[in-house]
Amino acid sequence: MTSYLPQWITDLATILTIGGFIITLLLLREAKEIRKSFIRKARIPEIVTDLERISKELIAHLQNSQEGIRAAHESVHRAIGLLESIESKLSESDKTKVNEFIRNTKKAIGGTIDENGYWAIYSSLSAITTYLQQLAKDVRWN
């Protein structure tokens, strides 16, 4: 099949097609980052609120002594679940803090744990909750 267009127009069209494909890939990556940013803005504050509620429940269970240990165990597992769900929405540096808490807490509750151990977990949970609160405030400004 013969073309009525000069060769330079065909070459230019090929180059522009390749350039358009590269720009499309860059825009897709940027759209993914924007989506991730919106998810952080929406979900982090909700999860922080849930973590605050779980922290309050945990301290109430721990103050209740013996009957509260079982309920405290369940509260800790719910906190771990929330933190695992937020993990994918965080940046790499923020993930390390959350992963460290999850790993240490799972190791602690995997063995025998007493009331003092749950108080230590409560302290760590309070620290990670405060960290996420500040992160949620920072995300509002981005």
N, C-alpha and C. Protein backbone atom coordinates (compact mmCIF):
# COMPACT_ATOMS: atom_id res chain seq x y z
N MET A 1 0.85 -1.18 0.00
CA MET A 1 0.00 0.00 0.00
C MET A 1 0.89 1.24 0.00
N THR A 2 0.61 2.13 -0.82
CA THR A 2 1.44 3.33 -0.93
C THR A 2 0.82 4.45 -0.13
N SER A 3 1.67 5.27 0.44
CA SER A 3 1.21 6.40 1.25
C SER A 3 1.40 7.68 0.45
N TYR A 4 0.46 8.57 0.61
CA TYR A 4 0.54 9.85 -0.09
C TYR A 4 1.19 10.91 0.80
N LEU A 5 1.53 10.51 2.06
CA LEU A 5 2.18 11.44 2.97
C LEU A 5 3.68 11.30 2.86
N PRO A 6 4.38 12.41 3.07
CA PRO A 6 5.84 12.32 3.06
C PRO A 6 6.33 11.48 4.25
N GLN A 7 7.50 10.91 4.13
CA GLN A 7 8.08 10.06 5.17
C GLN A 7 8.28 10.81 6.48
N TRP A 8 8.63 12.08 6.44
CA TRP A 8 8.88 12.83 7.67
C TRP A 8 7.62 12.99 8.49
N ILE A 9 6.45 13.05 7.88
CA ILE A 9 5.19 13.14 8.63
C ILE A 9 4.91 11.82 9.33
N THR A 10 5.18 10.73 8.68
CA THR A 10 5.00 9.41 9.29
C THR A 10 5.94 9.24 10.48
N ASP A 11 7.19 9.66 10.32
CA ASP A 11 8.16 9.59 11.40
C ASP A 11 7.74 10.47 12.58
N LEU A 12 7.27 11.67 12.27
CA LEU A 12 6.82 12.59 13.32
C LEU A 12 5.63 12.01 14.07
N ALA A 13 4.71 11.39 13.36
CA ALA A 13 3.54 10.78 13.99
C ALA A 13 3.95 9.64 14.92
N THR A 14 4.94 8.86 14.52
CA THR A 14 5.43 7.77 15.35
C THR A 14 6.07 8.31 16.63
N ILE A 15 6.88 9.34 16.49
CA ILE A 15 7.55 9.95 17.65
C ILE A 15 6.51 10.54 18.60
N LEU A 16 5.52 11.23 18.07
CA LEU A 16 4.47 11.83 18.91
C LEU A 16 3.64 10.76 19.62
N THR A 17 3.41 9.64 18.95
CA THR A 17 2.67 8.53 19.58
C THR A 17 3.44 7.97 20.76
N ILE A 18 4.74 7.77 20.59
CA ILE A 18 5.57 7.27 21.69
C ILE A 18 5.61 8.29 22.83
N GLY A 19 5.74 9.55 22.49
CA GLY A 19 5.73 10.61 23.52
C GLY A 19 4.41 10.65 24.26
N GLY A 20 3.30 10.50 23.53
CA GLY A 20 1.99 10.49 24.17
C GLY A 20 1.82 9.32 25.12
N PHE A 21 2.38 8.18 24.74
CA PHE A 21 2.31 7.00 25.60
C PHE A 21 3.08 7.24 26.90
N ILE A 22 4.26 7.83 26.79
CA ILE A 22 5.06 8.12 27.99
C ILE A 22 4.33 9.12 28.89
N ILE A 23 3.74 10.13 28.31
CA ILE A 23 2.99 11.11 29.10
C ILE A 23 1.79 10.45 29.78
N THR A 24 1.14 9.53 29.09
CA THR A 24 0.01 8.80 29.68
C THR A 24 0.45 8.01 30.90
N LEU A 25 1.59 7.34 30.80
CA LEU A 25 2.10 6.58 31.95
C LEU A 25 2.41 7.50 33.12
N LEU A 26 3.01 8.64 32.86
CA LEU A 26 3.32 9.60 33.93
C LEU A 26 2.04 10.14 34.59
N LEU A 27 1.04 10.40 33.78
CA LEU A 27 -0.23 10.90 34.32
C LEU A 27 -0.94 9.83 35.14
N LEU A 28 -0.87 8.59 34.72
CA LEU A 28 -1.47 7.51 35.50
C LEU A 28 -0.79 7.40 36.87
N ARG A 29 0.55 7.50 36.89
CA ARG A 29 1.26 7.46 38.17
C ARG A 29 0.86 8.64 39.06
N GLU A 30 0.75 9.80 38.48
CA GLU A 30 0.35 10.99 39.25
C GLU A 30 -1.08 10.84 39.78
N ALA A 31 -1.98 10.30 38.97
CA ALA A 31 -3.36 10.08 39.42
C ALA A 31 -3.40 9.10 40.58
N LYS A 32 -2.55 8.09 40.55
CA LYS A 32 -2.48 7.13 41.65
C LYS A 32 -2.02 7.82 42.93
N GLU A 33 -1.05 8.71 42.84
CA GLU A 33 -0.57 9.45 44.01
C GLU A 33 -1.66 10.38 44.55
N ILE A 34 -2.40 11.02 43.68
CA ILE A 34 -3.49 11.90 44.12
C ILE A 34 -4.57 11.08 44.82
N ARG A 35 -4.89 9.93 44.26
CA ARG A 35 -5.89 9.05 44.89
C ARG A 35 -5.43 8.62 46.28
N LYS A 36 -4.16 8.24 46.39
CA LYS A 36 -3.60 7.83 47.67
C LYS A 36 -3.67 8.98 48.68
N SER A 37 -3.41 10.19 48.21
CA SER A 37 -3.48 11.36 49.09
C SER A 37 -4.90 11.58 49.61
N PHE A 38 -5.89 11.44 48.73
CA PHE A 38 -7.28 11.61 49.16
C PHE A 38 -7.70 10.51 50.13
N ILE A 39 -7.22 9.29 49.90
CA ILE A 39 -7.54 8.20 50.82
C ILE A 39 -6.96 8.50 52.20
N ARG A 40 -5.71 9.02 52.21
CA ARG A 40 -5.10 9.38 53.51
C ARG A 40 -5.91 10.45 54.20
N LYS A 41 -6.34 11.46 53.45
CA LYS A 41 -7.11 12.54 54.05
C LYS A 41 -8.44 12.06 54.62
N ALA A 42 -9.03 11.07 53.99
CA ALA A 42 -10.33 10.59 54.43
C ALA A 42 -10.23 9.54 55.53
N ARG A 43 -9.32 8.59 55.38
CA ARG A 43 -9.30 7.43 56.28
C ARG A 43 -8.50 7.62 57.55
N ILE A 44 -7.40 8.34 57.50
CA ILE A 44 -6.57 8.47 58.70
C ILE A 44 -7.36 9.08 59.86
N PRO A 45 -8.09 10.18 59.67
CA PRO A 45 -8.86 10.72 60.81
C PRO A 45 -9.90 9.74 61.36
N GLU A 46 -10.55 8.97 60.48
CA GLU A 46 -11.54 7.99 60.94
C GLU A 46 -10.88 6.89 61.77
N ILE A 47 -9.76 6.40 61.30
CA ILE A 47 -9.07 5.33 62.02
C ILE A 47 -8.50 5.84 63.33
N VAL A 48 -8.02 7.08 63.34
CA VAL A 48 -7.51 7.67 64.59
C VAL A 48 -8.63 7.76 65.62
N THR A 49 -9.82 8.13 65.18
CA THR A 49 -10.96 8.20 66.10
C THR A 49 -11.27 6.82 66.67
N ASP A 50 -11.24 5.81 65.82
CA ASP A 50 -11.47 4.44 66.30
C ASP A 50 -10.38 3.99 67.27
N LEU A 51 -9.12 4.33 66.97
CA LEU A 51 -8.03 3.97 67.87
C LEU A 51 -8.16 4.67 69.23
N GLU A 52 -8.60 5.92 69.22
CA GLU A 52 -8.83 6.63 70.49
C GLU A 52 -9.90 5.92 71.32
N ARG A 53 -10.95 5.49 70.64
CA ARG A 53 -12.03 4.78 71.34
C ARG A 53 -11.51 3.46 71.92
N ILE A 54 -10.73 2.74 71.13
CA ILE A 54 -10.17 1.47 71.62
C ILE A 54 -9.22 1.72 72.78
N SER A 55 -8.44 2.79 72.73
CA SER A 55 -7.53 3.11 73.85
C SER A 55 -8.32 3.37 75.13
N LYS A 56 -9.43 4.08 74.99
CA LYS A 56 -10.27 4.34 76.17
C LYS A 56 -10.86 3.05 76.72
N GLU A 57 -11.30 2.17 75.81
CA GLU A 57 -11.83 0.88 76.25
C GLU A 57 -10.74 0.06 76.93
N LEU A 58 -9.55 0.08 76.37
CA LEU A 58 -8.44 -0.69 76.92
C LEU A 58 -8.09 -0.24 78.33
N ILE A 59 -8.03 1.05 78.55
CA ILE A 59 -7.71 1.53 79.89
C ILE A 59 -8.83 1.20 80.86
N ALA A 60 -10.08 1.25 80.40
CA ALA A 60 -11.20 0.88 81.27
C ALA A 60 -11.12 -0.61 81.63
N HIS A 61 -10.76 -1.44 80.67
CA HIS A 61 -10.63 -2.88 80.93
C HIS A 61 -9.47 -3.15 81.90
N LEU A 62 -8.37 -2.44 81.72
CA LEU A 62 -7.21 -2.67 82.58
C LEU A 62 -7.47 -2.21 84.01
N GLN A 63 -8.27 -1.19 84.16
CA GLN A 63 -8.61 -0.72 85.51
C GLN A 63 -9.57 -1.68 86.19
N ASN A 64 -10.24 -2.51 85.40
CA ASN A 64 -11.21 -3.47 85.91
C ASN A 64 -10.53 -4.77 86.35
N SER A 65 -9.24 -4.85 86.22
CA SER A 65 -8.39 -5.95 86.69
C SER A 65 -8.71 -7.28 86.01
N GLN A 66 -9.03 -8.33 86.76
CA GLN A 66 -9.09 -9.70 86.24
C GLN A 66 -10.07 -9.88 85.08
N GLU A 67 -11.30 -9.45 85.20
CA GLU A 67 -12.26 -9.64 84.11
C GLU A 67 -11.85 -8.82 82.90
N GLY A 68 -11.13 -7.75 83.15
CA GLY A 68 -10.76 -6.85 82.06
C GLY A 68 -9.64 -7.36 81.18
N ILE A 69 -8.88 -8.35 81.64
CA ILE A 69 -7.75 -8.85 80.85
C ILE A 69 -8.22 -9.47 79.54
N ARG A 70 -9.30 -10.25 79.60
CA ARG A 70 -9.82 -10.86 78.36
C ARG A 70 -10.34 -9.78 77.40
N ALA A 71 -11.06 -8.83 77.96
CA ALA A 71 -11.57 -7.75 77.12
C ALA A 71 -10.42 -6.90 76.58
N ALA A 72 -9.38 -6.72 77.39
CA ALA A 72 -8.21 -5.95 76.94
C ALA A 72 -7.54 -6.67 75.77
N HIS A 73 -7.48 -7.99 75.85
CA HIS A 73 -6.88 -8.79 74.77
C HIS A 73 -7.64 -8.56 73.46
N GLU A 74 -8.95 -8.56 73.56
CA GLU A 74 -9.78 -8.34 72.38
C GLU A 74 -9.60 -6.92 71.84
N SER A 75 -9.50 -5.94 72.72
CA SER A 75 -9.28 -4.55 72.29
C SER A 75 -7.95 -4.39 71.57
N VAL A 76 -6.93 -5.07 72.07
CA VAL A 76 -5.62 -4.99 71.44
C VAL A 76 -5.67 -5.58 70.03
N HIS A 77 -6.38 -6.68 69.87
CA HIS A 77 -6.51 -7.28 68.54
C HIS A 77 -7.26 -6.37 67.58
N ARG A 78 -8.27 -5.67 68.07
CA ARG A 78 -8.99 -4.72 67.21
C ARG A 78 -8.09 -3.57 66.80
N ALA A 79 -7.25 -3.09 67.74
CA ALA A 79 -6.31 -2.02 67.42
C ALA A 79 -5.31 -2.48 66.36
N ILE A 80 -4.83 -3.72 66.49
CA ILE A 80 -3.90 -4.25 65.49
C ILE A 80 -4.58 -4.32 64.12
N GLY A 81 -5.83 -4.74 64.09
CA GLY A 81 -6.57 -4.80 62.83
C GLY A 81 -6.71 -3.43 62.18
N LEU A 82 -7.01 -2.43 62.98
CA LEU A 82 -7.11 -1.07 62.44
C LEU A 82 -5.77 -0.58 61.90
N LEU A 83 -4.72 -0.84 62.64
CA LEU A 83 -3.40 -0.38 62.21
C LEU A 83 -2.95 -1.12 60.95
N GLU A 84 -3.31 -2.38 60.83
CA GLU A 84 -2.98 -3.12 59.60
C GLU A 84 -3.75 -2.56 58.41
N SER A 85 -4.97 -2.09 58.64
CA SER A 85 -5.76 -1.54 57.54
C SER A 85 -5.25 -0.17 57.10
N ILE A 86 -4.67 0.58 58.02
CA ILE A 86 -4.17 1.91 57.67
C ILE A 86 -2.78 1.84 57.05
N GLU A 87 -2.12 0.72 57.23
CA GLU A 87 -0.73 0.56 56.80
C GLU A 87 -0.55 0.88 55.31
N SER A 88 -1.46 0.44 54.47
CA SER A 88 -1.31 0.66 53.03
C SER A 88 -1.53 2.12 52.63
N LYS A 89 -2.08 2.90 53.52
CA LYS A 89 -2.37 4.29 53.21
C LYS A 89 -1.27 5.24 53.67
N LEU A 90 -0.23 4.70 54.27
CA LEU A 90 0.84 5.52 54.83
C LEU A 90 2.07 5.52 53.94
N SER A 91 2.90 6.53 54.14
CA SER A 91 4.18 6.56 53.44
C SER A 91 5.12 5.54 54.08
N GLU A 92 6.23 5.30 53.43
CA GLU A 92 7.16 4.28 53.91
C GLU A 92 7.70 4.59 55.30
N SER A 93 8.03 5.86 55.58
CA SER A 93 8.57 6.21 56.89
C SER A 93 7.52 6.04 57.99
N ASP A 94 6.28 6.33 57.67
CA ASP A 94 5.20 6.16 58.65
C ASP A 94 4.86 4.69 58.86
N LYS A 95 4.99 3.90 57.80
CA LYS A 95 4.71 2.47 57.89
C LYS A 95 5.64 1.79 58.89
N THR A 96 6.89 2.22 58.96
CA THR A 96 7.84 1.56 59.85
C THR A 96 7.41 1.68 61.29
N LYS A 97 6.89 2.84 61.68
CA LYS A 97 6.43 3.02 63.06
C LYS A 97 5.24 2.12 63.36
N VAL A 98 4.30 2.07 62.44
CA VAL A 98 3.11 1.24 62.63
C VAL A 98 3.50 -0.24 62.62
N ASN A 99 4.35 -0.63 61.69
CA ASN A 99 4.79 -2.03 61.63
C ASN A 99 5.53 -2.45 62.88
N GLU A 100 6.33 -1.55 63.42
CA GLU A 100 7.06 -1.86 64.65
C GLU A 100 6.10 -2.11 65.81
N PHE A 101 5.08 -1.25 65.93
CA PHE A 101 4.08 -1.45 66.98
C PHE A 101 3.36 -2.79 66.79
N ILE A 102 2.94 -3.08 65.55
CA ILE A 102 2.21 -4.32 65.28
C ILE A 102 3.08 -5.52 65.61
N ARG A 103 4.32 -5.51 65.15
CA ARG A 103 5.23 -6.63 65.38
C ARG A 103 5.48 -6.84 66.87
N ASN A 104 5.78 -5.76 67.60
CA ASN A 104 6.04 -5.88 69.04
C ASN A 104 4.80 -6.34 69.81
N THR A 105 3.66 -5.84 69.43
CA THR A 105 2.42 -6.21 70.12
C THR A 105 2.05 -7.66 69.85
N LYS A 106 2.19 -8.10 68.61
CA LYS A 106 1.89 -9.50 68.29
C LYS A 106 2.84 -10.44 69.03
N LYS A 107 4.10 -10.03 69.13
CA LYS A 107 5.07 -10.85 69.86
C LYS A 107 4.70 -10.92 71.34
N ALA A 108 4.26 -9.79 71.90
CA ALA A 108 3.90 -9.76 73.33
C ALA A 108 2.66 -10.59 73.62
N ILE A 109 1.63 -10.47 72.79
CA ILE A 109 0.40 -11.20 73.08
C ILE A 109 0.49 -12.64 72.60
N GLY A 110 1.53 -12.98 71.83
CA GLY A 110 1.72 -14.36 71.41
C GLY A 110 2.15 -15.25 72.56
N GLY A 111 2.86 -14.67 73.52
CA GLY A 111 3.29 -15.43 74.70
C GLY A 111 2.33 -15.18 75.84
N THR A 112 2.80 -15.45 77.04
CA THR A 112 1.98 -15.16 78.21
C THR A 112 2.19 -13.70 78.56
N ILE A 113 1.10 -13.02 78.78
CA ILE A 113 1.17 -11.59 79.06
C ILE A 113 0.32 -11.30 80.30
N ASP A 114 0.85 -10.47 81.17
CA ASP A 114 0.12 -10.11 82.38
C ASP A 114 -0.40 -8.68 82.24
N GLU A 115 -0.94 -8.20 83.34
CA GLU A 115 -1.52 -6.86 83.33
C GLU A 115 -0.48 -5.79 83.00
N ASN A 116 0.73 -5.95 83.50
CA ASN A 116 1.78 -4.97 83.20
C ASN A 116 2.11 -4.94 81.71
N GLY A 117 2.07 -6.09 81.08
CA GLY A 117 2.30 -6.15 79.64
C GLY A 117 1.23 -5.39 78.87
N TYR A 118 -0.01 -5.53 79.32
CA TYR A 118 -1.09 -4.78 78.66
C TYR A 118 -0.96 -3.28 78.90
N TRP A 119 -0.46 -2.89 80.06
CA TRP A 119 -0.22 -1.46 80.31
C TRP A 119 0.87 -0.95 79.37
N ALA A 120 1.88 -1.76 79.11
CA ALA A 120 2.93 -1.36 78.17
C ALA A 120 2.37 -1.23 76.75
N ILE A 121 1.49 -2.16 76.38
CA ILE A 121 0.85 -2.08 75.06
C ILE A 121 -0.02 -0.83 75.00
N TYR A 122 -0.73 -0.53 76.08
CA TYR A 122 -1.56 0.68 76.11
C TYR A 122 -0.70 1.92 75.90
N SER A 123 0.46 1.96 76.54
CA SER A 123 1.35 3.11 76.37
C SER A 123 1.81 3.24 74.93
N SER A 124 2.18 2.13 74.32
CA SER A 124 2.61 2.15 72.92
C SER A 124 1.45 2.54 72.00
N LEU A 125 0.26 2.04 72.31
CA LEU A 125 -0.91 2.39 71.51
C LEU A 125 -1.22 3.87 71.61
N SER A 126 -1.07 4.43 72.80
CA SER A 126 -1.28 5.87 72.96
C SER A 126 -0.28 6.66 72.15
N ALA A 127 0.97 6.20 72.14
CA ALA A 127 2.00 6.89 71.38
C ALA A 127 1.71 6.84 69.88
N ILE A 128 1.33 5.68 69.38
CA ILE A 128 1.07 5.55 67.95
C ILE A 128 -0.20 6.32 67.57
N THR A 129 -1.18 6.37 68.47
CA THR A 129 -2.39 7.15 68.21
C THR A 129 -2.07 8.63 68.13
N THR A 130 -1.24 9.12 69.04
CA THR A 130 -0.82 10.52 69.01
C THR A 130 -0.06 10.82 67.72
N TYR A 131 0.81 9.92 67.33
CA TYR A 131 1.56 10.09 66.09
C TYR A 131 0.62 10.20 64.89
N LEU A 132 -0.37 9.32 64.84
CA LEU A 132 -1.32 9.35 63.73
C LEU A 132 -2.22 10.58 63.78
N GLN A 133 -2.52 11.07 64.98
CA GLN A 133 -3.29 12.32 65.09
C GLN A 133 -2.52 13.47 64.46
N GLN A 134 -1.25 13.55 64.77
CA GLN A 134 -0.42 14.60 64.19
C GLN A 134 -0.28 14.43 62.69
N LEU A 135 -0.19 13.20 62.25
CA LEU A 135 -0.12 12.92 60.81
C LEU A 135 -1.41 13.36 60.12
N ALA A 136 -2.54 13.11 60.76
CA ALA A 136 -3.83 13.52 60.19
C ALA A 136 -3.91 15.05 60.09
N LYS A 137 -3.36 15.75 61.08
CA LYS A 137 -3.32 17.21 61.01
C LYS A 137 -2.42 17.68 59.87
N ASP A 138 -1.30 17.01 59.70
CA ASP A 138 -0.39 17.37 58.61
C ASP A 138 -1.01 17.13 57.26
N VAL A 139 -1.77 16.05 57.12
CA VAL A 139 -2.38 15.70 55.84
C VAL A 139 -3.41 16.75 55.45
N ARG A 140 -4.06 17.36 56.42
CA ARG A 140 -5.04 18.40 56.11
C ARG A 140 -4.41 19.57 55.39
N TRP A 141 -3.14 19.82 55.63
CA TRP A 141 -2.46 20.96 55.02
C TRP A 141 -1.88 20.63 53.65
N ASN A 142 -1.85 19.38 53.28
CA ASN A 142 -1.29 19.01 51.96
C ASN A 142 -2.31 19.14 50.86
